[in-house]
Amino acid sequence: MKPDTVIAQKAPYPVEVEAGKSYWWCACGKSARQPFCDGSHKGSSVSPIEYKADASGKVWFCGCKQGGRGALCDGSHKAL
């Protein structure tokens, strides 16, 4: 498991995004506003990651916080 992270859930979060808009993904897993940052990472070595939507539509944000694709799910939750 990555240091200073907790598993928020063992599944991705489907979110409708708008083209050109930035979304700040929670990388620590402690946010009460999953999958987005609420500042709960403060004091840890983890920072939120900006995801800027190229197009409007549904994307799958990582819920396990263990993936290697930044904010988006890469299926890593299946191995947990």
Protein backbone atom coordinates (compact mmCIF):
# COMPACT_ATOMS: atom_id res chain seq x y z
CA MET A 1 0.00 0.00 0.00
CA LYS A 2 1.20 3.51 -0.78
CA PRO A 3 2.40 5.46 2.28
CA ASP A 4 -0.01 8.03 3.79
CA THR A 5 -2.98 6.64 1.83
CA VAL A 6 -6.09 4.73 2.82
CA ILE A 7 -8.40 2.79 0.53
CA ALA A 8 -11.57 4.87 0.17
CA GLN A 9 -13.35 2.02 -1.64
CA LYS A 10 -12.39 -1.02 -3.72
CA ALA A 11 -14.16 0.27 -6.83
CA PRO A 12 -13.93 3.34 -9.06
CA TYR A 13 -16.17 6.40 -8.76
CA PRO A 14 -18.15 7.15 -11.95
CA VAL A 15 -18.41 10.93 -12.42
CA GLU A 16 -19.88 13.06 -15.19
CA VAL A 17 -17.29 15.71 -16.06
CA GLU A 18 -17.41 18.87 -18.17
CA ALA A 19 -14.87 19.58 -20.92
CA GLY A 20 -12.24 22.11 -19.85
CA LYS A 21 -13.10 21.91 -16.13
CA SER A 22 -10.51 20.95 -13.51
CA TYR A 23 -11.27 18.39 -10.80
CA TRP A 24 -9.02 17.84 -7.78
CA TRP A 25 -8.87 14.11 -7.07
CA CYS A 26 -8.20 12.97 -3.50
CA ALA A 27 -4.99 10.92 -3.53
CA CYS A 28 -4.89 10.17 0.22
CA GLY A 29 -8.28 8.45 0.55
CA LYS A 30 -9.23 10.45 3.66
CA SER A 31 -11.57 13.01 2.07
CA ALA A 32 -15.23 12.97 3.08
CA ARG A 33 -16.04 14.24 -0.46
CA GLN A 34 -14.72 11.24 -2.43
CA PRO A 35 -13.39 11.09 -5.04
CA PHE A 36 -12.48 14.76 -4.61
CA CYS A 37 -10.18 16.53 -2.17
CA ASP A 38 -11.48 18.25 0.96
CA GLY A 39 -8.06 19.07 2.46
CA SER A 40 -7.82 15.95 4.66
CA HIS A 41 -4.34 15.22 3.28
CA LYS A 42 -2.81 18.19 5.15
CA GLY A 43 0.13 17.07 7.26
CA SER A 44 0.80 14.02 5.08
CA SER A 45 3.15 13.43 2.14
CA VAL A 46 0.19 13.17 -0.26
CA SER A 47 -1.31 15.97 -2.36
CA PRO A 48 -4.42 16.03 -4.54
CA ILE A 49 -4.00 15.54 -8.28
CA GLU A 50 -5.61 17.82 -10.85
CA TYR A 51 -7.65 16.13 -13.56
CA LYS A 52 -8.62 18.41 -16.44
CA ALA A 53 -11.41 16.98 -18.57
CA ASP A 54 -10.65 16.89 -22.31
CA ALA A 55 -14.27 16.12 -23.13
CA SER A 56 -17.63 16.06 -21.36
CA GLY A 57 -18.85 12.62 -20.29
CA LYS A 58 -18.39 9.90 -17.70
CA VAL A 59 -14.94 9.08 -16.33
CA TRP A 60 -13.97 6.58 -13.65
CA PHE A 61 -11.94 8.09 -10.82
CA CYS A 62 -9.76 5.72 -8.78
CA GLY A 63 -11.30 4.78 -5.43
CA CYS A 64 -8.57 2.53 -4.02
CA LYS A 65 -5.80 5.17 -4.30
CA GLN A 66 -3.32 2.43 -5.28
CA GLY A 67 -3.39 2.79 -9.07
CA GLY A 68 -0.67 3.95 -11.39
CA ARG A 69 -2.77 6.20 -13.67
CA GLY A 70 -3.14 9.16 -11.35
CA ALA A 71 -6.75 10.19 -10.86
CA LEU A 72 -8.30 7.62 -13.19
CA CYS A 73 -8.96 3.96 -12.39
CA ASP A 74 -6.54 1.42 -13.85
CA GLY A 75 -8.13 -1.68 -12.30
CA SER A 76 -5.65 -1.93 -9.38
CA HIS A 77 -8.58 -2.40 -6.96
CA LYS A 78 -9.13 -5.89 -8.40
CA ALA A 79 -5.87 -7.08 -6.78
CA LEU A 80 -6.69 -5.79 -3.28
